[in-house]
Amino acid sequence: ISAGNHNGDRGVITQYSSATQRYLVELGETGETLSVKPENILQQIHVKIHGIISQPNLNGCTGLVWYTENKYRYSIYIAS
């Protein structure tokens, strides 16, 4: 990001421009909109786990999802 002061800020992707190959991101704190390259975005997905038969104690837990590319698998971090 050329505006390094925004590194670590949180926002919502509102649009993708195929012409510039960038996402428009609206920042949560200020409402400012930035044009951001895909490689400069860290996506955080919050989930609630359900339907696990082998480990039912995990059902109802919430966590953050990330993709581990070299293992071709998603993982969930569950805060204790």
Protein backbone atom coordinates (compact mmCIF):
# COMPACT_ATOMS: atom_id res chain seq x y z
CA ILE A 1 0.00 0.00 0.00
CA SER A 2 1.38 3.38 -0.90
CA ALA A 3 -0.57 4.78 2.06
CA GLY A 4 1.30 2.71 4.64
CA ASN A 5 -0.46 4.51 7.47
CA HIS A 6 -3.49 2.33 6.67
CA ASN A 7 -1.66 -0.98 7.19
CA GLY A 8 -3.59 -2.91 9.82
CA ASP A 9 -6.78 -0.88 9.39
CA ARG A 10 -10.07 -2.74 9.06
CA GLY A 11 -12.59 -2.17 6.35
CA VAL A 12 -15.21 -3.68 4.07
CA ILE A 13 -14.69 -4.51 0.41
CA THR A 14 -17.41 -2.66 -1.46
CA GLN A 15 -16.44 -3.25 -5.08
CA TYR A 16 -13.89 -4.80 -7.44
CA SER A 17 -12.61 -2.90 -10.48
CA SER A 18 -11.57 -5.24 -13.28
CA ALA A 19 -10.12 -2.22 -15.12
CA THR A 20 -7.59 -1.50 -12.35
CA GLN A 21 -7.63 -5.01 -10.81
CA ARG A 22 -8.10 -3.47 -7.38
CA TYR A 23 -10.66 -3.65 -4.62
CA LEU A 24 -12.39 -0.59 -3.23
CA VAL A 25 -12.26 -0.83 0.55
CA GLU A 26 -14.26 1.39 2.88
CA LEU A 27 -12.42 1.87 6.15
CA GLY A 28 -14.46 1.32 9.29
CA GLU A 29 -13.02 4.12 11.41
CA THR A 30 -13.19 7.00 8.93
CA GLY A 31 -15.41 5.81 6.08
CA GLU A 32 -12.56 6.70 3.71
CA THR A 33 -12.40 4.58 0.54
CA LEU A 34 -9.10 3.13 -0.70
CA SER A 35 -8.20 1.34 -3.94
CA VAL A 36 -6.20 -1.72 -2.85
CA LYS A 37 -4.34 -4.44 -4.75
CA PRO A 38 -5.52 -7.99 -3.90
CA GLU A 39 -2.09 -8.96 -2.53
CA ASN A 40 -2.38 -6.16 0.05
CA ILE A 41 -5.60 -7.45 1.57
CA LEU A 42 -5.81 -9.84 4.50
CA GLN A 43 -9.28 -11.31 4.69
CA GLN A 44 -10.59 -12.38 8.06
CA ILE A 45 -13.65 -14.56 8.19
CA HIS A 46 -15.50 -15.17 11.46
CA VAL A 47 -17.40 -18.46 11.68
CA LYS A 48 -19.53 -20.43 14.12
CA ILE A 49 -18.90 -24.18 14.12
CA HIS A 50 -21.77 -26.67 13.97
CA GLY A 51 -22.42 -30.24 12.92
CA ILE A 52 -19.11 -31.75 14.12
CA ILE A 53 -19.83 -35.33 15.13
CA SER A 54 -16.31 -36.47 16.01
CA GLN A 55 -15.66 -33.49 18.35
CA PRO A 56 -19.07 -32.23 19.53
CA ASN A 57 -17.44 -29.98 22.14
CA LEU A 58 -16.45 -27.68 19.23
CA ASN A 59 -20.07 -27.11 18.17
CA GLY A 60 -21.14 -23.57 19.01
CA CYS A 61 -17.55 -22.27 19.15
CA THR A 62 -16.58 -19.27 17.05
CA GLY A 63 -13.28 -18.65 15.34
CA LEU A 64 -11.28 -17.08 12.53
CA VAL A 65 -10.68 -18.92 9.24
CA TRP A 66 -7.56 -18.84 7.09
CA TYR A 67 -6.36 -20.83 4.11
CA THR A 68 -3.03 -22.70 4.20
CA GLU A 69 -2.07 -22.76 0.54
CA ASN A 70 0.70 -25.38 0.71
CA LYS A 71 -1.69 -27.81 2.46
CA TYR A 72 -4.74 -26.90 0.34
CA ARG A 73 -6.85 -26.67 3.47
CA TYR A 74 -8.75 -24.21 5.61
CA SER A 75 -8.04 -23.94 9.32
CA ILE A 76 -10.03 -22.35 12.13
CA TYR A 77 -8.44 -20.57 15.08
CA ILE A 78 -10.64 -20.91 18.14
CA ALA A 79 -9.79 -18.55 20.99
CA SER A 80 -9.88 -20.25 24.37
